[in-house]
C-alpha atoms as a PDB file:
ATOM      1  CA  MET A   1      67.620 131.639 131.362  1.00  0.00           C
ATOM      2  CA  ILE A   2      64.946 131.813 129.698  1.00  0.00           C
ATOM      3  CA  GLU A   3      61.786 131.852 131.982  1.00  0.00           C
ATOM      4  CA  THR A   4      58.424 129.718 131.479  1.00  0.00           C
ATOM      5  CA  ASN A   5      56.634 133.235 131.215  1.00  0.00           C
ATOM      6  CA  GLN A   6      58.551 133.901 128.394  1.00  0.00           C
ATOM      7  CA  ILE A   7      57.253 131.432 126.425  1.00  0.00           C
ATOM      8  CA  THR A   8      53.767 131.112 124.865  1.00  0.00           C
ATOM      9  CA  GLY A   9      52.348 127.729 123.872  1.00  0.00           C
ATOM     10  CA  LEU A  10      50.966 127.038 120.097  1.00  0.00           C
ATOM     11  CA  ILE A  11      49.043 123.588 119.476  1.00  0.00           C
ATOM     12  CA  LEU A  12      48.629 123.352 115.779  1.00  0.00           C
ATOM     13  CA  ALA A  13      45.077 121.864 115.016  1.00  0.00           C
ATOM     14  CA  GLY A  14      44.779 123.337 111.747  1.00  0.00           C
ATOM     15  CA  GLY A  15      45.219 120.698 109.490  1.00  0.00           C
ATOM     16  CA  ARG A  16      42.728 118.894 106.744  1.00  0.00           C
ATOM     17  CA  GLY A  17      42.995 115.393 108.607  1.00  0.00           C
ATOM     18  CA  SER A  18      43.006 113.833 105.270  1.00  0.00           C
ATOM     19  CA  ARG A  19      44.893 110.668 106.567  1.00  0.00           C
ATOM     20  CA  MET A  20      41.998 110.545 108.964  1.00  0.00           C
ATOM     21  CA  GLY A  21      39.313 110.639 106.245  1.00  0.00           C
ATOM     22  CA  GLY A  22      39.136 114.359 106.246  1.00  0.00           C
ATOM     23  CA  VAL A  23      37.783 114.462 110.329  1.00  0.00           C
ATOM     24  CA  ASP A  24      39.093 117.135 112.487  1.00  0.00           C
ATOM     25  CA  LYS A  25      41.870 115.337 114.216  1.00  0.00           C
ATOM     26  CA  GLY A  26      42.347 117.112 117.433  1.00  0.00           C
ATOM     27  CA  LEU A  27      38.993 116.630 118.542  1.00  0.00           C
ATOM     28  CA  GLN A  28      39.123 112.720 117.911  1.00  0.00           C
ATOM     29  CA  PRO A  29      38.370 110.921 121.196  1.00  0.00           C
ATOM     30  CA  TYR A  30      41.269 109.667 122.812  1.00  0.00           C
ATOM     31  CA  ARG A  31      40.984 108.215 126.610  1.00  0.00           C
ATOM     32  CA  GLY A  32      38.082 110.182 126.796  1.00  0.00           C
ATOM     33  CA  MET A  33      39.037 113.369 126.187  1.00  0.00           C
ATOM     34  CA  PRO A  34      39.291 115.143 122.381  1.00  0.00           C
ATOM     35  CA  LEU A  35      43.071 114.330 121.468  1.00  0.00           C
ATOM     36  CA  ALA A  36      43.845 118.002 121.167  1.00  0.00           C
ATOM     37  CA  MET A  37      43.072 118.450 125.208  1.00  0.00           C
ATOM     38  CA  HIS A  38      45.794 116.140 125.753  1.00  0.00           C
ATOM     39  CA  SER A  39      48.047 118.043 124.288  1.00  0.00           C
ATOM     40  CA  LEU A  40      47.071 120.951 126.128  1.00  0.00           C
ATOM     41  CA  MET A  41      46.995 119.410 129.324  1.00  0.00           C
ATOM     42  CA  ARG A  42      51.116 118.756 128.497  1.00  0.00           C
ATOM     43  CA  LEU A  43      51.726 121.848 127.303  1.00  0.00           C
ATOM     44  CA  GLN A  44      50.296 124.096 129.910  1.00  0.00           C
ATOM     45  CA  PRO A  45      52.486 123.374 132.606  1.00  0.00           C
ATOM     46  CA  GLN A  46      55.920 123.788 130.386  1.00  0.00           C
ATOM     47  CA  VAL A  47      54.897 127.266 129.293  1.00  0.00           C
ATOM     48  CA  GLY A  48      53.498 130.434 130.262  1.00  0.00           C
ATOM     49  CA  GLU A  49      49.887 130.640 128.230  1.00  0.00           C
ATOM     50  CA  VAL A  50      48.283 128.729 125.500  1.00  0.00           C
ATOM     51  CA  MET A  51      46.715 129.231 122.183  1.00  0.00           C
ATOM     52  CA  ILE A  52      45.434 126.473 119.587  1.00  0.00           C
ATOM     53  CA  ASN A  53      45.693 127.287 116.056  1.00  0.00           C
ATOM     54  CA  ALA A  54      42.678 125.503 114.135  1.00  0.00           C
ATOM     55  CA  ASN A  55      40.518 126.214 111.039  1.00  0.00           C
ATOM     56  CA  ARG A  56      37.295 124.814 111.628  1.00  0.00           C
ATOM     57  CA  ASN A  57      34.941 123.770 114.809  1.00  0.00           C
ATOM     58  CA  LEU A  58      36.558 126.994 115.991  1.00  0.00           C
ATOM     59  CA  SER A  59      33.590 127.080 118.937  1.00  0.00           C
ATOM     60  CA  ALA A  60      34.780 123.422 119.943  1.00  0.00           C
ATOM     61  CA  TYR A  61      38.488 124.368 120.115  1.00  0.00           C
ATOM     62  CA  GLU A  62      37.067 127.774 122.200  1.00  0.00           C
ATOM     63  CA  SER A  63      35.605 125.519 124.697  1.00  0.00           C
ATOM     64  CA  PHE A  64      39.248 124.232 126.103  1.00  0.00           C
ATOM     65  CA  GLY A  65      39.646 127.571 127.619  1.00  0.00           C
ATOM     66  CA  VAL A  66      42.187 128.944 125.380  1.00  0.00           C
ATOM     67  CA  PRO A  67      42.397 131.446 122.662  1.00  0.00           C
ATOM     68  CA  VAL A  68      41.916 130.020 119.121  1.00  0.00           C
ATOM     69  CA  TRP A  69      43.199 131.341 115.758  1.00  0.00           C
ATOM     70  CA  PRO A  70      42.840 130.154 112.451  1.00  0.00           C
ATOM     71  CA  ASP A  71      45.543 130.236 109.634  1.00  0.00           C
ATOM     72  CA  PRO A  72      46.204 133.755 108.177  1.00  0.00           C
ATOM     73  CA  VAL A  73      47.262 131.865 105.124  1.00  0.00           C
ATOM     74  CA  ALA A  74      44.513 130.298 102.540  1.00  0.00           C
ATOM     75  CA  ASP A  75      43.723 126.720 101.597  1.00  0.00           C
ATOM     76  CA  TYR A  76      45.067 124.870 104.868  1.00  0.00           C
ATOM     77  CA  ALA A  77      49.033 125.783 103.853  1.00  0.00           C
ATOM     78  CA  GLY A  78      50.410 123.351 106.347  1.00  0.00           C
ATOM     79  CA  PRO A  79      52.268 123.983 110.037  1.00  0.00           C
ATOM     80  CA  LEU A  80      53.982 127.023 109.107  1.00  0.00           C
ATOM     81  CA  ALA A  81      50.807 128.898 108.544  1.00  0.00           C
ATOM     82  CA  GLY A  82      49.829 127.697 112.158  1.00  0.00           C
ATOM     83  CA  PHE A  83      52.936 128.941 113.575  1.00  0.00           C
ATOM     84  CA  LEU A  84      52.429 132.386 111.791  1.00  0.00           C
ATOM     85  CA  ALA A  85      49.130 132.636 113.431  1.00  0.00           C
ATOM     86  CA  GLY A  86      50.990 131.975 116.807  1.00  0.00           C
ATOM     87  CA  LEU A  87      53.682 134.551 116.019  1.00  0.00           C
ATOM     88  CA  GLU A  88      50.956 136.858 114.864  1.00  0.00           C
ATOM     89  CA  ARG A  89      49.545 137.159 118.395  1.00  0.00           C
ATOM     90  CA  CYS A  90      52.405 135.954 120.505  1.00  0.00           C
ATOM     91  CA  GLU A  91      53.024 138.473 122.968  1.00  0.00           C
ATOM     92  CA  THR A  92      56.093 137.110 124.837  1.00  0.00           C
ATOM     93  CA  ALA A  93      59.461 136.760 123.407  1.00  0.00           C
ATOM     94  CA  TYR A  94      59.621 132.917 122.475  1.00  0.00           C
ATOM     95  CA  LEU A  95      56.520 130.689 120.933  1.00  0.00           C
ATOM     96  CA  MET A  96      56.634 127.015 121.645  1.00  0.00           C
ATOM     97  CA  SER A  97      54.702 124.836 118.518  1.00  0.00           C
ATOM     98  CA  VAL A  98      53.423 121.297 119.373  1.00  0.00           C
ATOM     99  CA  PRO A  99      50.813 119.189 117.056  1.00  0.00           C
ATOM    100  CA  CYS A 100      47.503 117.931 118.466  1.00  0.00           C
ATOM    101  CA  ASP A 101      47.914 114.582 117.470  1.00  0.00           C
ATOM    102  CA  THR A 102      51.156 113.848 119.768  1.00  0.00           C
ATOM    103  CA  PRO A 103      49.993 112.980 123.462  1.00  0.00           C
ATOM    104  CA  ALA A 104      52.846 111.787 124.977  1.00  0.00           C
ATOM    105  CA  PHE A 105      55.663 114.389 124.181  1.00  0.00           C
ATOM    106  CA  PRO A 106      58.301 114.787 126.933  1.00  0.00           C
ATOM    107  CA  GLU A 107      57.284 116.842 130.129  1.00  0.00           C
ATOM    108  CA  ASP A 108      60.690 118.395 129.599  1.00  0.00           C
ATOM    109  CA  LEU A 109      60.523 119.270 126.369  1.00  0.00           C
ATOM    110  CA  VAL A 110      60.387 123.227 126.179  1.00  0.00           C
ATOM    111  CA  GLU A 111      62.844 123.421 129.563  1.00  0.00           C
ATOM    112  CA  ARG A 112      65.619 121.124 127.464  1.00  0.00           C
ATOM    113  CA  LEU A 113      64.482 123.156 123.728  1.00  0.00           C
ATOM    114  CA  ALA A 114      65.079 126.668 125.728  1.00  0.00           C
ATOM    115  CA  HIS A 115      68.165 125.450 127.662  1.00  0.00           C
ATOM    116  CA  ALA A 116      69.905 124.695 124.392  1.00  0.00           C
ATOM    117  CA  LEU A 117      68.371 128.040 122.284  1.00  0.00           C
ATOM    118  CA  GLU A 118      70.113 130.069 125.031  1.00  0.00           C
ATOM    119  CA  ALA A 119      73.024 128.148 125.074  1.00  0.00           C
ATOM    120  CA  GLU A 120      73.653 127.887 121.753  1.00  0.00           C
ATOM    121  CA  GLY A 121      72.997 131.634 120.539  1.00  0.00           C
ATOM    122  CA  ALA A 122      70.163 130.002 118.396  1.00  0.00           C
ATOM    123  CA  GLU A 123      66.979 131.369 117.090  1.00  0.00           C
ATOM    124  CA  LEU A 124      64.874 128.059 116.666  1.00  0.00           C
ATOM    125  CA  ALA A 125      65.313 124.643 118.585  1.00  0.00           C
ATOM    126  CA  ILE A 126      63.972 121.346 117.254  1.00  0.00           C
ATOM    127  CA  PRO A 127      64.049 117.791 118.794  1.00  0.00           C
ATOM    128  CA  ARG A 128      65.499 115.016 117.128  1.00  0.00           C
ATOM    129  CA  THR A 129      64.750 111.063 118.315  1.00  0.00           C
ATOM    130  CA  PRO A 130      67.022 108.107 117.308  1.00  0.00           C
ATOM    131  CA  GLN A 131      64.394 106.706 114.593  1.00  0.00           C
ATOM    132  CA  GLY A 132      61.063 107.580 112.804  1.00  0.00           C
ATOM    133  CA  GLU A 133      58.262 105.247 113.986  1.00  0.00           C
ATOM    134  CA  GLU A 134      57.464 104.887 110.267  1.00  0.00           C
ATOM    135  CA  ALA A 135      59.006 101.865 108.762  1.00  0.00           C
ATOM    136  CA  SER A 136      60.343 103.766 105.995  1.00  0.00           C
ATOM    137  CA  ARG A 137      62.174 105.871 107.823  1.00  0.00           C
ATOM    138  CA  ASP A 138      65.767 105.160 109.374  1.00  0.00           C
ATOM    139  CA  GLY A 139      67.899 106.728 111.249  1.00  0.00           C
ATOM    140  CA  PRO A 140      67.868 109.894 113.615  1.00  0.00           C
ATOM    141  CA  GLN A 141      64.232 111.605 112.605  1.00  0.00           C
ATOM    142  CA  LEU A 142      64.109 115.433 113.246  1.00  0.00           C
ATOM    143  CA  GLN A 143      60.320 116.678 114.734  1.00  0.00           C
ATOM    144  CA  PRO A 144      60.002 119.849 113.230  1.00  0.00           C
ATOM    145  CA  VAL A 145      56.249 120.424 114.144  1.00  0.00           C
ATOM    146  CA  PHE A 146      57.842 120.847 117.797  1.00  0.00           C
ATOM    147  CA  CYS A 147      59.555 124.003 117.533  1.00  0.00           C
ATOM    148  CA  LEU A 148      60.778 126.753 120.219  1.00  0.00           C
ATOM    149  CA  MET A 149      61.413 129.779 118.313  1.00  0.00           C
ATOM    150  CA  LYS A 150      62.143 133.477 118.897  1.00  0.00           C
ATOM    151  CA  SER A 151      58.786 135.970 118.055  1.00  0.00           C
ATOM    152  CA  GLU A 152      60.873 138.107 116.278  1.00  0.00           C
ATOM    153  CA  LEU A 153      61.060 135.675 113.572  1.00  0.00           C
ATOM    154  CA  MET A 154      57.560 136.857 112.312  1.00  0.00           C
ATOM    155  CA  GLU A 155      58.583 139.093 109.830  1.00  0.00           C
ATOM    156  CA  SER A 156      60.734 136.323 108.231  1.00  0.00           C
ATOM    157  CA  LEU A 157      58.049 133.671 108.347  1.00  0.00           C
ATOM    158  CA  MET A 158      55.526 135.755 106.695  1.00  0.00           C
ATOM    159  CA  ARG A 159      57.733 136.754 103.824  1.00  0.00           C
ATOM    160  CA  PHE A 160      58.262 133.230 103.030  1.00  0.00           C
ATOM    161  CA  THR A 161      54.553 132.223 103.421  1.00  0.00           C
ATOM    162  CA  GLN A 162      54.270 135.053 101.222  1.00  0.00           C
ATOM    163  CA  GLU A 163      56.060 133.765  98.746  1.00  0.00           C
ATOM    164  CA  GLY A 164      54.806 130.386  98.612  1.00  0.00           C
ATOM    165  CA  GLY A 165      56.704 128.742 100.646  1.00  0.00           C
ATOM    166  CA  ARG A 166      55.467 125.456 103.029  1.00  0.00           C
ATOM    167  CA  LYS A 167      58.326 123.745 104.198  1.00  0.00           C
ATOM    168  CA  ILE A 168      59.395 123.855 107.243  1.00  0.00           C
ATOM    169  CA  ASP A 169      63.098 122.863 106.807  1.00  0.00           C
ATOM    170  CA  ARG A 170      63.417 125.304 104.445  1.00  0.00           C
ATOM    171  CA  TRP A 171      62.333 128.192 106.419  1.00  0.00           C
ATOM    172  CA  THR A 172      64.023 126.963 109.507  1.00  0.00           C
ATOM    173  CA  ALA A 173      67.203 126.430 107.347  1.00  0.00           C
ATOM    174  CA  GLN A 174      67.483 130.435 106.694  1.00  0.00           C
ATOM    175  CA  HIS A 175      68.117 130.848 110.548  1.00  0.00           C
ATOM    176  CA  ARG A 176      70.368 129.696 113.548  1.00  0.00           C
ATOM    177  CA  CYS A 177      68.873 126.428 114.585  1.00  0.00           C
ATOM    178  CA  THR A 178      69.764 124.101 117.093  1.00  0.00           C
ATOM    179  CA  VAL A 179      68.760 120.304 117.609  1.00  0.00           C
ATOM    180  CA  VAL A 180      67.857 118.527 121.022  1.00  0.00           C
ATOM    181  CA  ASP A 181      68.569 114.619 120.940  1.00  0.00           C
ATOM    182  CA  PHE A 182      65.494 112.803 122.883  1.00  0.00           C
ATOM    183  CA  SER A 183      66.174 109.132 123.259  1.00  0.00           C
ATOM    184  CA  ASP A 184      62.387 107.960 123.550  1.00  0.00           C
ATOM    185  CA  ALA A 185      61.114 108.231 119.801  1.00  0.00           C
ATOM    186  CA  ALA A 186      57.377 106.785 120.961  1.00  0.00           C
ATOM    187  CA  ALA A 187      56.890 109.604 122.858  1.00  0.00           C
ATOM    188  CA  PHE A 188      56.791 111.801 119.574  1.00  0.00           C
ATOM    189  CA  PHE A 189      54.513 109.099 118.028  1.00  0.00           C
ATOM    190  CA  ASN A 190      51.721 110.937 116.432  1.00  0.00           C
ATOM    191  CA  ALA A 191      48.356 109.918 115.348  1.00  0.00           C
ATOM    192  CA  ASN A 192      48.028 110.599 111.570  1.00  0.00           C
ATOM    193  CA  THR A 193      45.330 107.746 111.079  1.00  0.00           C
ATOM    194  CA  LEU A 194      42.971 106.357 112.940  1.00  0.00           C
ATOM    195  CA  ASP A 195      44.714 102.980 113.217  1.00  0.00           C
ATOM    196  CA  ASP A 196      47.465 105.162 114.666  1.00  0.00           C
ATOM    197  CA  LEU A 197      45.014 106.166 117.006  1.00  0.00           C
ATOM    198  CA  ARG A 198      44.187 102.633 118.040  1.00  0.00           C
ATOM    199  CA  GLN A 199      47.524 102.262 118.181  1.00  0.00           C
ATOM    200  CA  LEU A 200      47.847 104.715 120.820  1.00  0.00           C
ATOM    201  CA  GLU A 201      45.400 103.516 122.970  1.00  0.00           C
ATOM    202  CA  SER A 202      46.743  99.963 122.934  1.00  0.00           C
ATOM    203  CA  ARG A 203      50.474 101.347 123.672  1.00  0.00           C
ATOM    204  CA  GLY A 204      49.070 102.873 126.698  1.00  0.00           C
ATOM    205  CA  GLY A 205      50.754 105.934 125.739  1.00  0.00           C
END
């Protein structure tokens, strides 16, 4: 059994926010708090400790009371750069990443991923939902930004990013990865745009 204190949580807040007009997505207000604070409060009970990956407004994120680390790769290289920032600082056997823009992810997310990872002898565990909320997508959707990974994968990810790799699925395909089905797609709804954020407000989740 993987204990909670063996898992470090990582909130990914290092993106450009280009679909929000270039604003810092994690600091956008949602129900009276920055969006990333909701992710922090959701994740903290599920892991031993938490850190944030951010590339600007570092002092604002530091005010959340947890360590903040920028990408070790230049030019906003995407979620994998955030993974690498977390793995380089992770002092536990496992790292659990979540995005800053999905405030209602399941409260048993980490527990279920950890159970599957251990049961199947995997190196990574990723959720899958019945259908993506984007109209252009049909069928089950992987949610790879929510990733429980062994911290020993740091060297593999470092090599992959140094070679120019940026796509999560191409990196995870190199390792034993288990997929865990979650029935509530709405719990993984992320606020990519300001309209999405308003939609979150209106739906009550």
